[in-house]
PDB file of N, CA and C in Angstrom:
ATOM      1  N   MET A   1       0.921  -1.298  -0.262  1.00  0.00           N
ATOM      2  CA  MET A   1       0.182  -0.143   0.049  1.00  0.00           C
ATOM      3  C   MET A   1       0.947   1.471  -0.054  1.00  0.00           C
ATOM      4  N   ALA A   2       0.819   1.960  -1.124  1.00  0.00           N
ATOM      5  CA  ALA A   2       1.582   3.095  -1.113  1.00  0.00           C
ATOM      6  C   ALA A   2       1.272   4.393  -0.119  1.00  0.00           C
ATOM      7  N   ASP A   3       0.069   4.358   0.195  1.00  0.00           N
ATOM      8  CA  ASP A   3      -0.818   5.473   1.166  1.00  0.00           C
ATOM      9  C   ASP A   3      -0.218   5.635   2.329  1.00  0.00           C
ATOM     10  N   LYS A   4       0.075   6.877   2.452  1.00  0.00           N
ATOM     11  CA  LYS A   4       0.604   7.096   4.147  1.00  0.00           C
ATOM     12  C   LYS A   4      -0.376   7.138   4.961  1.00  0.00           C
ATOM     13  N   LYS A   5      -0.017   6.802   6.110  1.00  0.00           N
ATOM     14  CA  LYS A   5      -0.813   6.756   7.460  1.00  0.00           C
ATOM     15  C   LYS A   5      -0.377   8.076   7.793  1.00  0.00           C
ATOM     16  N   ILE A   6      -1.467   8.973   8.361  1.00  0.00           N
ATOM     17  CA  ILE A   6      -1.440  10.331   8.852  1.00  0.00           C
ATOM     18  C   ILE A   6      -2.375  10.337  10.062  1.00  0.00           C
ATOM     19  N   GLY A   7      -3.126   9.278  10.679  1.00  0.00           N
ATOM     20  CA  GLY A   7      -3.703   9.331  11.778  1.00  0.00           C
ATOM     21  C   GLY A   7      -4.883   8.549  11.908  1.00  0.00           C
ATOM     22  N   GLU A   8      -5.723   8.642  12.964  1.00  0.00           N
ATOM     23  CA  GLU A   8      -6.309   7.646  13.638  1.00  0.00           C
ATOM     24  C   GLU A   8      -7.818   8.442  14.123  1.00  0.00           C
ATOM     25  N   PHE A   9      -8.781   7.750  13.905  1.00  0.00           N
ATOM     26  CA  PHE A   9     -10.194   8.483  14.572  1.00  0.00           C
ATOM     27  C   PHE A   9     -10.172   8.198  16.310  1.00  0.00           C
ATOM     28  N   THR A  10     -10.479   9.448  16.907  1.00  0.00           N
ATOM     29  CA  THR A  10     -10.420   8.897  18.239  1.00  0.00           C
ATOM     30  C   THR A  10     -12.130   9.375  18.778  1.00  0.00           C
ATOM     31  N   HIS A  11     -12.818   9.655  18.216  1.00  0.00           N
ATOM     32  CA  HIS A  11     -14.406   9.524  18.146  1.00  0.00           C
ATOM     33  C   HIS A  11     -14.868  10.003  17.123  1.00  0.00           C
ATOM     34  N   TYR A  12     -16.261   9.572  17.208  1.00  0.00           N
ATOM     35  CA  TYR A  12     -17.454  10.053  16.029  1.00  0.00           C
ATOM     36  C   TYR A  12     -18.866  10.171  16.703  1.00  0.00           C
ATOM     37  N   TYR A  13     -18.868  11.564  16.139  1.00  0.00           N
ATOM     38  CA  TYR A  13     -20.405  12.245  16.646  1.00  0.00           C
ATOM     39  C   TYR A  13     -21.380  11.920  15.664  1.00  0.00           C
ATOM     40  N   SER A  14     -22.261  10.742  15.667  1.00  0.00           N
ATOM     41  CA  SER A  14     -23.264  10.037  14.870  1.00  0.00           C
ATOM     42  C   SER A  14     -24.345  11.249  14.392  1.00  0.00           C
ATOM     43  N   ASN A  15     -24.713  12.459  15.552  1.00  0.00           N
ATOM     44  CA  ASN A  15     -25.572  13.018  15.212  1.00  0.00           C
ATOM     45  C   ASN A  15     -25.116  14.121  14.659  1.00  0.00           C
ATOM     46  N   ILE A  16     -23.647  14.377  14.177  1.00  0.00           N
ATOM     47  CA  ILE A  16     -23.357  15.546  13.333  1.00  0.00           C
ATOM     48  C   ILE A  16     -22.534  14.948  11.931  1.00  0.00           C
ATOM     49  N   GLY A  17     -22.066  13.817  11.911  1.00  0.00           N
ATOM     50  CA  GLY A  17     -21.243  12.969  10.991  1.00  0.00           C
ATOM     51  C   GLY A  17     -20.016  13.862  11.139  1.00  0.00           C
ATOM     52  N   VAL A  18     -19.511  13.806  12.250  1.00  0.00           N
ATOM     53  CA  VAL A  18     -18.139  14.415  12.362  1.00  0.00           C
ATOM     54  C   VAL A  18     -17.437  13.375  13.162  1.00  0.00           C
ATOM     55  N   GLY A  19     -15.734  13.292  12.430  1.00  0.00           N
ATOM     56  CA  GLY A  19     -15.276  12.577  13.384  1.00  0.00           C
ATOM     57  C   GLY A  19     -14.073  13.288  13.725  1.00  0.00           C
ATOM     58  N   THR A  20     -13.400  13.101  14.747  1.00  0.00           N
ATOM     59  CA  THR A  20     -12.051  13.478  15.493  1.00  0.00           C
ATOM     60  C   THR A  20     -10.861  12.424  15.208  1.00  0.00           C
ATOM     61  N   ILE A  21      -9.710  13.040  14.445  1.00  0.00           N
ATOM     62  CA  ILE A  21      -8.774  12.522  14.075  1.00  0.00           C
ATOM     63  C   ILE A  21      -7.770  12.877  14.867  1.00  0.00           C
ATOM     64  N   MET A  22      -6.614  12.194  15.414  1.00  0.00           N
ATOM     65  CA  MET A  22      -5.301  12.440  16.015  1.00  0.00           C
ATOM     66  C   MET A  22      -4.362  12.725  14.808  1.00  0.00           C
ATOM     67  N   LEU A  23      -3.943  13.589  14.936  1.00  0.00           N
ATOM     68  CA  LEU A  23      -2.897  13.059  13.368  1.00  0.00           C
ATOM     69  C   LEU A  23      -1.430  13.277  13.826  1.00  0.00           C
ATOM     70  N   SER A  24      -0.677  12.316  12.879  1.00  0.00           N
ATOM     71  CA  SER A  24       0.604  11.668  12.860  1.00  0.00           C
ATOM     72  C   SER A  24       1.457  12.191  11.801  1.00  0.00           C
ATOM     73  N   GLY A  25       0.305  13.156  10.979  1.00  0.00           N
ATOM     74  CA  GLY A  25       1.182  13.500   9.749  1.00  0.00           C
ATOM     75  C   GLY A  25       0.301  15.025   9.800  1.00  0.00           C
ATOM     76  N   THR A  26       0.498  15.263   8.394  1.00  0.00           N
ATOM     77  CA  THR A  26      -0.052  16.601   7.750  1.00  0.00           C
ATOM     78  C   THR A  26      -1.229  16.580   7.102  1.00  0.00           C
ATOM     79  N   LEU A  27      -2.617  17.117   7.436  1.00  0.00           N
ATOM     80  CA  LEU A  27      -3.470  17.094   6.427  1.00  0.00           C
ATOM     81  C   LEU A  27      -4.086  18.699   6.096  1.00  0.00           C
ATOM     82  N   LYS A  28      -4.298  18.762   4.766  1.00  0.00           N
ATOM     83  CA  LYS A  28      -4.741  19.936   4.102  1.00  0.00           C
ATOM     84  C   LYS A  28      -5.975  19.651   3.718  1.00  0.00           C
ATOM     85  N   VAL A  29      -6.908  20.923   3.697  1.00  0.00           N
ATOM     86  CA  VAL A  29      -8.136  20.854   2.817  1.00  0.00           C
ATOM     87  C   VAL A  29      -7.725  20.939   1.080  1.00  0.00           C
ATOM     88  N   GLY A  30      -8.464  20.044   0.988  1.00  0.00           N
ATOM     89  CA  GLY A  30      -8.258  19.463  -0.582  1.00  0.00           C
ATOM     90  C   GLY A  30      -7.650  18.153  -0.809  1.00  0.00           C
ATOM     91  N   ASP A  31      -7.130  17.797   0.313  1.00  0.00           N
ATOM     92  CA  ASP A  31      -6.193  16.303   0.461  1.00  0.00           C
ATOM     93  C   ASP A  31      -7.511  15.476   0.041  1.00  0.00           C
ATOM     94  N   SER A  32      -7.155  14.073  -0.440  1.00  0.00           N
ATOM     95  CA  SER A  32      -8.009  12.752  -0.449  1.00  0.00           C
ATOM     96  C   SER A  32      -7.217  12.070   0.281  1.00  0.00           C
ATOM     97  N   ILE A  33      -8.378  11.579   1.542  1.00  0.00           N
ATOM     98  CA  ILE A  33      -7.988  10.743   2.221  1.00  0.00           C
ATOM     99  C   ILE A  33      -8.744   8.998   2.242  1.00  0.00           C
ATOM    100  N   ARG A  34      -8.220   7.853   2.830  1.00  0.00           N
ATOM    101  CA  ARG A  34      -8.773   6.775   2.767  1.00  0.00           C
ATOM    102  C   ARG A  34      -8.964   6.555   4.222  1.00  0.00           C
ATOM    103  N   ILE A  35      -9.957   6.047   4.742  1.00  0.00           N
ATOM    104  CA  ILE A  35     -10.836   5.442   5.980  1.00  0.00           C
ATOM    105  C   ILE A  35     -10.744   4.584   6.078  1.00  0.00           C
ATOM    106  N   LEU A  36      -9.804   3.306   6.833  1.00  0.00           N
ATOM    107  CA  LEU A  36      -9.700   1.949   6.707  1.00  0.00           C
ATOM    108  C   LEU A  36     -10.007   1.798   8.423  1.00  0.00           C
ATOM    109  N   GLY A  37     -10.974   0.832   8.514  1.00  0.00           N
ATOM    110  CA  GLY A  37     -10.761  -0.010   9.804  1.00  0.00           C
ATOM    111  C   GLY A  37     -11.421  -1.246   9.730  1.00  0.00           C
ATOM    112  N   ALA A  38     -11.888  -1.866  10.886  1.00  0.00           N
ATOM    113  CA  ALA A  38     -12.768  -2.978  11.004  1.00  0.00           C
ATOM    114  C   ALA A  38     -13.932  -3.361   9.790  1.00  0.00           C
ATOM    115  N   THR A  39     -14.359  -2.183  10.168  1.00  0.00           N
ATOM    116  CA  THR A  39     -15.806  -2.439   9.062  1.00  0.00           C
ATOM    117  C   THR A  39     -15.715  -1.083   7.969  1.00  0.00           C
ATOM    118  N   SER A  40     -14.533  -0.259   8.196  1.00  0.00           N
ATOM    119  CA  SER A  40     -14.760   0.880   7.031  1.00  0.00           C
ATOM    120  C   SER A  40     -13.748   0.756   6.323  1.00  0.00           C
ATOM    121  N   ASP A  41     -14.208   1.338   4.636  1.00  0.00           N
ATOM    122  CA  ASP A  41     -13.019   1.074   4.070  1.00  0.00           C
ATOM    123  C   ASP A  41     -13.399   2.296   2.909  1.00  0.00           C
ATOM    124  N   PHE A  42     -13.323   3.466   2.589  1.00  0.00           N
ATOM    125  CA  PHE A  42     -13.817   4.047   1.924  1.00  0.00           C
ATOM    126  C   PHE A  42     -12.764   5.442   1.850  1.00  0.00           C
ATOM    127  N   GLU A  43     -12.967   6.418   0.354  1.00  0.00           N
ATOM    128  CA  GLU A  43     -12.293   7.723   0.159  1.00  0.00           C
ATOM    129  C   GLU A  43     -13.486   8.648   0.463  1.00  0.00           C
ATOM    130  N   GLN A  44     -12.515   9.768   0.534  1.00  0.00           N
ATOM    131  CA  GLN A  44     -13.256  11.373   0.187  1.00  0.00           C
ATOM    132  C   GLN A  44     -12.352  12.148   0.550  1.00  0.00           C
ATOM    133  N   SER A  45     -12.636  13.439  -0.057  1.00  0.00           N
ATOM    134  CA  SER A  45     -11.983  14.604  -0.170  1.00  0.00           C
ATOM    135  C   SER A  45     -12.349  15.504   1.361  1.00  0.00           C
ATOM    136  N   VAL A  46     -11.060  16.192   1.577  1.00  0.00           N
ATOM    137  CA  VAL A  46     -11.652  16.852   2.806  1.00  0.00           C
ATOM    138  C   VAL A  46     -11.887  18.499   2.322  1.00  0.00           C
ATOM    139  N   ASP A  47     -13.102  18.696   2.434  1.00  0.00           N
ATOM    140  CA  ASP A  47     -13.586  19.873   1.954  1.00  0.00           C
ATOM    141  C   ASP A  47     -13.659  20.641   3.071  1.00  0.00           C
ATOM    142  N   GLU A  48     -13.326  20.488   4.485  1.00  0.00           N
ATOM    143  CA  GLU A  48     -13.737  21.260   5.582  1.00  0.00           C
ATOM    144  C   GLU A  48     -13.292  20.560   6.822  1.00  0.00           C
ATOM    145  N   MET A  49     -12.051  21.146   7.645  1.00  0.00           N
ATOM    146  CA  MET A  49     -11.639  20.485   8.805  1.00  0.00           C
ATOM    147  C   MET A  49     -11.515  21.851   9.762  1.00  0.00           C
ATOM    148  N   GLN A  50     -11.719  21.586  11.311  1.00  0.00           N
ATOM    149  CA  GLN A  50     -11.900  22.448  12.278  1.00  0.00           C
ATOM    150  C   GLN A  50     -11.000  22.031  13.328  1.00  0.00           C
ATOM    151  N   PHE A  51     -10.411  22.833  14.169  1.00  0.00           N
ATOM    152  CA  PHE A  51      -9.469  22.848  14.959  1.00  0.00           C
ATOM    153  C   PHE A  51      -9.881  23.772  16.251  1.00  0.00           C
ATOM    154  N   ASP A  52     -10.422  23.300  17.559  1.00  0.00           N
ATOM    155  CA  ASP A  52     -10.582  24.092  18.463  1.00  0.00           C
ATOM    156  C   ASP A  52     -12.105  24.959  18.296  1.00  0.00           C
ATOM    157  N   HIS A  53     -12.946  24.139  17.261  1.00  0.00           N
ATOM    158  CA  HIS A  53     -14.253  24.736  16.566  1.00  0.00           C
ATOM    159  C   HIS A  53     -13.964  25.861  15.576  1.00  0.00           C
ATOM    160  N   LYS A  54     -12.585  25.934  15.357  1.00  0.00           N
ATOM    161  CA  LYS A  54     -12.553  26.898  13.957  1.00  0.00           C
ATOM    162  C   LYS A  54     -12.133  26.466  13.256  1.00  0.00           C
ATOM    163  N   SER A  55     -12.371  26.754  11.864  1.00  0.00           N
ATOM    164  CA  SER A  55     -12.142  26.300  10.176  1.00  0.00           C
ATOM    165  C   SER A  55     -10.856  26.499  10.056  1.00  0.00           C
ATOM    166  N   ILE A  56      -9.791  25.422   9.498  1.00  0.00           N
ATOM    167  CA  ILE A  56      -8.744  25.596   9.680  1.00  0.00           C
ATOM    168  C   ILE A  56      -8.497  24.775   7.863  1.00  0.00           C
ATOM    169  N   LYS A  57      -7.197  25.518   7.294  1.00  0.00           N
ATOM    170  CA  LYS A  57      -6.592  24.952   5.884  1.00  0.00           C
ATOM    171  C   LYS A  57      -5.836  23.820   6.098  1.00  0.00           C
ATOM    172  N   LYS A  58      -5.074  23.961   7.226  1.00  0.00           N
ATOM    173  CA  LYS A  58      -3.973  22.978   7.336  1.00  0.00           C
ATOM    174  C   LYS A  58      -3.706  22.440   8.610  1.00  0.00           C
ATOM    175  N   ALA A  59      -3.351  21.193   8.792  1.00  0.00           N
ATOM    176  CA  ALA A  59      -3.079  20.762  10.441  1.00  0.00           C
ATOM    177  C   ALA A  59      -1.666  19.944  10.409  1.00  0.00           C
ATOM    178  N   LYS A  60      -0.919  19.537  11.623  1.00  0.00           N
ATOM    179  CA  LYS A  60       0.020  19.227  11.496  1.00  0.00           C
ATOM    180  C   LYS A  60      -0.085  18.136  12.720  1.00  0.00           C
ATOM    181  N   ALA A  61       0.946  16.925  12.388  1.00  0.00           N
ATOM    182  CA  ALA A  61       1.229  15.982  13.436  1.00  0.00           C
ATOM    183  C   ALA A  61       1.155  16.534  14.978  1.00  0.00           C
ATOM    184  N   GLY A  62       0.077  15.817  15.446  1.00  0.00           N
ATOM    185  CA  GLY A  62      -0.092  16.291  17.008  1.00  0.00           C
ATOM    186  C   GLY A  62      -1.622  17.046  17.337  1.00  0.00           C
ATOM    187  N   GLN A  63      -1.961  17.671  16.534  1.00  0.00           N
ATOM    188  CA  GLN A  63      -3.457  18.194  16.323  1.00  0.00           C
ATOM    189  C   GLN A  63      -4.194  17.242  16.325  1.00  0.00           C
ATOM    190  N   GLU A  64      -5.766  17.772  16.972  1.00  0.00           N
ATOM    191  CA  GLU A  64      -6.577  16.589  16.968  1.00  0.00           C
ATOM    192  C   GLU A  64      -7.782  17.722  16.296  1.00  0.00           C
ATOM    193  N   VAL A  65      -7.881  17.186  15.058  1.00  0.00           N
ATOM    194  CA  VAL A  65      -9.095  17.945  13.981  1.00  0.00           C
ATOM    195  C   VAL A  65     -10.272  17.077  14.042  1.00  0.00           C
ATOM    196  N   GLY A  66     -11.363  18.299  13.729  1.00  0.00           N
ATOM    197  CA  GLY A  66     -12.924  17.599  13.672  1.00  0.00           C
ATOM    198  C   GLY A  66     -12.922  17.646  12.099  1.00  0.00           C
ATOM    199  N   LEU A  67     -13.643  16.608  11.557  1.00  0.00           N
ATOM    200  CA  LEU A  67     -13.596  16.413   9.868  1.00  0.00           C
ATOM    201  C   LEU A  67     -15.226  15.666   9.669  1.00  0.00           C
ATOM    202  N   LYS A  68     -15.747  16.466   8.593  1.00  0.00           N
ATOM    203  CA  LYS A  68     -17.167  15.966   8.416  1.00  0.00           C
ATOM    204  C   LYS A  68     -16.590  14.657   7.478  1.00  0.00           C
ATOM    205  N   VAL A  69     -17.319  13.717   7.894  1.00  0.00           N
ATOM    206  CA  VAL A  69     -17.157  12.104   7.203  1.00  0.00           C
ATOM    207  C   VAL A  69     -18.703  11.630   6.323  1.00  0.00           C
ATOM    208  N   GLU A  70     -18.123  11.045   5.274  1.00  0.00           N
ATOM    209  CA  GLU A  70     -19.111  10.872   4.478  1.00  0.00           C
ATOM    210  C   GLU A  70     -20.151   9.735   4.600  1.00  0.00           C
ATOM    211  N   ASP A  71     -19.281   8.753   5.742  1.00  0.00           N
ATOM    212  CA  ASP A  71     -19.652   7.532   6.294  1.00  0.00           C
ATOM    213  C   ASP A  71     -19.132   7.228   7.570  1.00  0.00           C
ATOM    214  N   LYS A  72     -19.980   6.474   8.434  1.00  0.00           N
ATOM    215  CA  LYS A  72     -20.256   6.231   9.909  1.00  0.00           C
ATOM    216  C   LYS A  72     -18.298   5.514   9.917  1.00  0.00           C
ATOM    217  N   VAL A  73     -17.585   6.064  11.147  1.00  0.00           N
ATOM    218  CA  VAL A  73     -16.420   6.038  11.247  1.00  0.00           C
ATOM    219  C   VAL A  73     -16.205   5.295  12.782  1.00  0.00           C
ATOM    220  N   ARG A  74     -15.370   4.533  13.309  1.00  0.00           N
ATOM    221  CA  ARG A  74     -15.104   4.036  14.590  1.00  0.00           C
ATOM    222  C   ARG A  74     -13.535   4.710  15.254  1.00  0.00           C
ATOM    223  N   ASP A  75     -13.943   4.575  16.291  1.00  0.00           N
ATOM    224  CA  ASP A  75     -12.257   4.873  17.177  1.00  0.00           C
ATOM    225  C   ASP A  75     -11.585   3.923  16.549  1.00  0.00           C
ATOM    226  N   LYS A  76     -10.064   4.281  16.312  1.00  0.00           N
ATOM    227  CA  LYS A  76      -9.143   3.550  15.862  1.00  0.00           C
ATOM    228  C   LYS A  76      -9.037   2.998  14.259  1.00  0.00           C
ATOM    229  N   ASP A  77     -10.373   3.397  13.669  1.00  0.00           N
ATOM    230  CA  ASP A  77     -10.085   3.767  12.080  1.00  0.00           C
ATOM    231  C   ASP A  77      -8.859   4.386  11.587  1.00  0.00           C
ATOM    232  N   GLU A  78      -7.966   3.661  10.908  1.00  0.00           N
ATOM    233  CA  GLU A  78      -6.827   4.310  10.284  1.00  0.00           C
ATOM    234  C   GLU A  78      -7.213   5.517   9.292  1.00  0.00           C
ATOM    235  N   VAL A  79      -6.595   6.850   8.930  1.00  0.00           N
ATOM    236  CA  VAL A  79      -6.892   7.562   8.109  1.00  0.00           C
ATOM    237  C   VAL A  79      -4.971   7.815   7.319  1.00  0.00           C
ATOM    238  N   TYR A  80      -5.693   7.355   5.853  1.00  0.00           N
ATOM    239  CA  TYR A  80      -4.522   7.701   4.955  1.00  0.00           C
ATOM    240  C   TYR A  80      -4.409   8.520   4.146  1.00  0.00           C
ATOM    241  N   LEU A  81      -3.375   9.336   3.404  1.00  0.00           N
ATOM    242  CA  LEU A  81      -3.429  10.121   2.793  1.00  0.00           C
ATOM    243  C   LEU A  81      -3.191   9.335   1.052  1.00  0.00           C
ATOM    244  N   VAL A  82      -4.011   9.604   0.205  1.00  0.00           N
ATOM    245  CA  VAL A  82      -4.129   9.142  -0.979  1.00  0.00           C
ATOM    246  C   VAL A  82      -3.520   9.742  -1.858  1.00  0.00           C
TER     247      VAL A  82
END
């Protein structure tokens, strides 16, 4: 797999369709990501993300960001840069 792991989900808010990712790499708005877990496997683009309830364009390793996801994710689902 050539995709680079950049983080994993720490929480999913089903009522708003948002997951929080603890990043181990850099993520930018416009990137394509693949979400992979025990029952998850889908790709989507990063249209918007938030840090501390504010929209940001770029996040780096060590930050925990909120991301609108197209499908349900679970804690420990891994996030890869495509």
